[in-house]
Amino acid sequence: MSYDKNGNCIRRGDVSEKVTEYQFNSLDVLEKVWDDGKELAGYEYNANGTIHAETQGLVSKQYQYDLDKNLPGLCIRTGDSILDMTAMGTVLIKNS
């Protein structure tokens, strides 16, 4: 295992010699994950520390918050297609 200067695990291997790497931002928040050099996930955050967007492969999620940091909105996409969209607890689009 390897760690950055803030103690975040940035690289680890397992018994099969697979290597997983992690990238953190200046606030020690996870931004990217790679597995054997292939990007698995990416994360973006709002200035207040809440997650704004998450990407895993072809699927992306965008989060929307109210002033109290409650999560009233979520949009899940794959490519240009919206799989699921929720706002204020109401499902606007649901594709299964």
C-alpha atoms as a PDB file:
ATOM      1  CA  MET A   1       0.000   0.000   0.000  1.00  0.00           C
ATOM      2  CA  SER A   2       1.058   3.574  -0.668  1.00  0.00           C
ATOM      3  CA  TYR A   3      -0.225   6.687   1.060  1.00  0.00           C
ATOM      4  CA  ASP A   4      -0.081  10.386   0.278  1.00  0.00           C
ATOM      5  CA  LYS A   5       1.260  12.968   2.735  1.00  0.00           C
ATOM      6  CA  ASN A   6      -2.207  13.265   4.336  1.00  0.00           C
ATOM      7  CA  GLY A   7      -2.527   9.548   5.016  1.00  0.00           C
ATOM      8  CA  ASN A   8      -4.930   8.723   2.180  1.00  0.00           C
ATOM      9  CA  CYS A   9      -4.392   5.328   0.579  1.00  0.00           C
ATOM     10  CA  ILE A  10      -3.456   6.119  -3.027  1.00  0.00           C
ATOM     11  CA  ARG A  11      -2.325   2.684  -4.223  1.00  0.00           C
ATOM     12  CA  ARG A  12      -2.864  -0.883  -3.121  1.00  0.00           C
ATOM     13  CA  GLY A  13      -2.409  -4.300  -4.597  1.00  0.00           C
ATOM     14  CA  ASP A  14      -4.073  -7.582  -3.825  1.00  0.00           C
ATOM     15  CA  VAL A  15      -2.881 -11.197  -3.896  1.00  0.00           C
ATOM     16  CA  SER A  16      -3.694 -11.489  -7.614  1.00  0.00           C
ATOM     17  CA  GLU A  17      -1.376  -8.496  -8.243  1.00  0.00           C
ATOM     18  CA  LYS A  18      -4.297  -6.284  -9.298  1.00  0.00           C
ATOM     19  CA  VAL A  19      -3.505  -2.648  -8.486  1.00  0.00           C
ATOM     20  CA  THR A  20      -6.139  -0.143  -7.379  1.00  0.00           C
ATOM     21  CA  GLU A  21      -5.235   3.545  -7.302  1.00  0.00           C
ATOM     22  CA  TYR A  22      -7.061   6.480  -5.717  1.00  0.00           C
ATOM     23  CA  GLN A  23      -6.841  10.232  -6.332  1.00  0.00           C
ATOM     24  CA  PHE A  24      -7.870  12.742  -3.670  1.00  0.00           C
ATOM     25  CA  ASN A  25      -8.351  16.500  -3.960  1.00  0.00           C
ATOM     26  CA  SER A  26      -6.800  19.141  -1.712  1.00  0.00           C
ATOM     27  CA  LEU A  27      -9.589  18.570   0.849  1.00  0.00           C
ATOM     28  CA  ASP A  28      -8.761  14.836   1.047  1.00  0.00           C
ATOM     29  CA  VAL A  29     -11.970  13.912  -0.785  1.00  0.00           C
ATOM     30  CA  LEU A  30     -11.922  11.013  -3.237  1.00  0.00           C
ATOM     31  CA  GLU A  31     -12.037  12.148  -6.886  1.00  0.00           C
ATOM     32  CA  LYS A  32     -10.987   9.147  -9.008  1.00  0.00           C
ATOM     33  CA  VAL A  33     -10.524   5.380  -8.726  1.00  0.00           C
ATOM     34  CA  TRP A  34      -8.519   3.243 -11.176  1.00  0.00           C
ATOM     35  CA  ASP A  35      -8.224  -0.532 -11.353  1.00  0.00           C
ATOM     36  CA  ASP A  36      -5.149  -1.788 -13.216  1.00  0.00           C
ATOM     37  CA  GLY A  37      -4.915   1.572 -15.007  1.00  0.00           C
ATOM     38  CA  LYS A  38      -8.581   1.654 -16.078  1.00  0.00           C
ATOM     39  CA  GLU A  39     -10.693   4.430 -14.571  1.00  0.00           C
ATOM     40  CA  LEU A  40     -13.561   2.912 -12.589  1.00  0.00           C
ATOM     41  CA  ALA A  41     -15.147   5.975 -11.022  1.00  0.00           C
ATOM     42  CA  GLY A  42     -14.951   9.738 -10.811  1.00  0.00           C
ATOM     43  CA  TYR A  43     -16.507  12.100  -8.286  1.00  0.00           C
ATOM     44  CA  GLU A  44     -17.156  15.856  -8.322  1.00  0.00           C
ATOM     45  CA  TYR A  45     -18.152  17.928  -5.292  1.00  0.00           C
ATOM     46  CA  ASN A  46     -19.880  21.216  -4.556  1.00  0.00           C
ATOM     47  CA  ALA A  47     -18.050  23.918  -2.604  1.00  0.00           C
ATOM     48  CA  ASN A  48     -19.914  22.852   0.565  1.00  0.00           C
ATOM     49  CA  GLY A  49     -18.553  19.298   0.301  1.00  0.00           C
ATOM     50  CA  THR A  50     -21.699  17.568  -0.961  1.00  0.00           C
ATOM     51  CA  ILE A  51     -21.308  15.297  -3.953  1.00  0.00           C
ATOM     52  CA  HIS A  52     -22.360  16.923  -7.227  1.00  0.00           C
ATOM     53  CA  ALA A  53     -21.671  14.167  -9.762  1.00  0.00           C
ATOM     54  CA  GLU A  54     -20.529  10.558  -9.864  1.00  0.00           C
ATOM     55  CA  THR A  55     -19.458   8.583 -12.919  1.00  0.00           C
ATOM     56  CA  GLN A  56     -18.950   4.826 -13.054  1.00  0.00           C
ATOM     57  CA  GLY A  57     -18.299   3.544 -16.536  1.00  0.00           C
ATOM     58  CA  LEU A  58     -21.101   4.737 -18.810  1.00  0.00           C
ATOM     59  CA  VAL A  59     -23.442   5.614 -15.945  1.00  0.00           C
ATOM     60  CA  SER A  60     -23.415   9.080 -14.413  1.00  0.00           C
ATOM     61  CA  LYS A  61     -25.408  10.521 -11.532  1.00  0.00           C
ATOM     62  CA  GLN A  62     -26.031  14.193 -10.864  1.00  0.00           C
ATOM     63  CA  TYR A  63     -27.199  15.250  -7.423  1.00  0.00           C
ATOM     64  CA  GLN A  64     -29.228  18.365  -6.578  1.00  0.00           C
ATOM     65  CA  TYR A  65     -29.577  19.707  -3.034  1.00  0.00           C
ATOM     66  CA  ASP A  66     -31.767  22.222  -1.269  1.00  0.00           C
ATOM     67  CA  LEU A  67     -30.382  24.891   1.086  1.00  0.00           C
ATOM     68  CA  ASP A  68     -30.396  22.417   4.019  1.00  0.00           C
ATOM     69  CA  LYS A  69     -28.306  19.903   2.021  1.00  0.00           C
ATOM     70  CA  ASN A  70     -31.260  17.541   1.611  1.00  0.00           C
ATOM     71  CA  LEU A  71     -31.253  15.614  -1.649  1.00  0.00           C
ATOM     72  CA  PRO A  72     -34.484  16.465  -3.489  1.00  0.00           C
ATOM     73  CA  GLY A  73     -33.127  15.815  -6.992  1.00  0.00           C
ATOM     74  CA  LEU A  74     -31.215  13.029  -8.705  1.00  0.00           C
ATOM     75  CA  CYS A  75     -30.634  12.340 -12.388  1.00  0.00           C
ATOM     76  CA  ILE A  76     -29.111   9.060 -13.590  1.00  0.00           C
ATOM     77  CA  ARG A  77     -27.867   8.875 -17.187  1.00  0.00           C
ATOM     78  CA  THR A  78     -26.118   6.517 -19.514  1.00  0.00           C
ATOM     79  CA  GLY A  79     -24.684   8.310 -22.496  1.00  0.00           C
ATOM     80  CA  ASP A  80     -27.374  10.713 -23.708  1.00  0.00           C
ATOM     81  CA  SER A  81     -30.226   8.662 -22.238  1.00  0.00           C
ATOM     82  CA  ILE A  82     -31.831   9.503 -18.911  1.00  0.00           C
ATOM     83  CA  LEU A  83     -32.487   6.341 -16.905  1.00  0.00           C
ATOM     84  CA  ASP A  84     -34.095   7.956 -13.878  1.00  0.00           C
ATOM     85  CA  MET A  85     -34.875  11.518 -12.802  1.00  0.00           C
ATOM     86  CA  THR A  86     -36.340  12.486  -9.449  1.00  0.00           C
ATOM     87  CA  ALA A  87     -37.177  15.972  -8.176  1.00  0.00           C
ATOM     88  CA  MET A  88     -38.683  16.804  -4.802  1.00  0.00           C
ATOM     89  CA  GLY A  89     -39.543  13.140  -4.250  1.00  0.00           C
ATOM     90  CA  THR A  90     -41.447  12.841  -7.537  1.00  0.00           C
ATOM     91  CA  VAL A  91     -40.194  10.454 -10.196  1.00  0.00           C
ATOM     92  CA  LEU A  92     -40.155  12.458 -13.423  1.00  0.00           C
ATOM     93  CA  ILE A  93     -38.623   9.818 -15.688  1.00  0.00           C
ATOM     94  CA  LYS A  94     -38.177   6.115 -14.986  1.00  0.00           C
ATOM     95  CA  ASN A  95     -36.680   3.836 -17.636  1.00  0.00           C
ATOM     96  CA  SER A  96     -35.856   0.279 -16.643  1.00  0.00           C
END
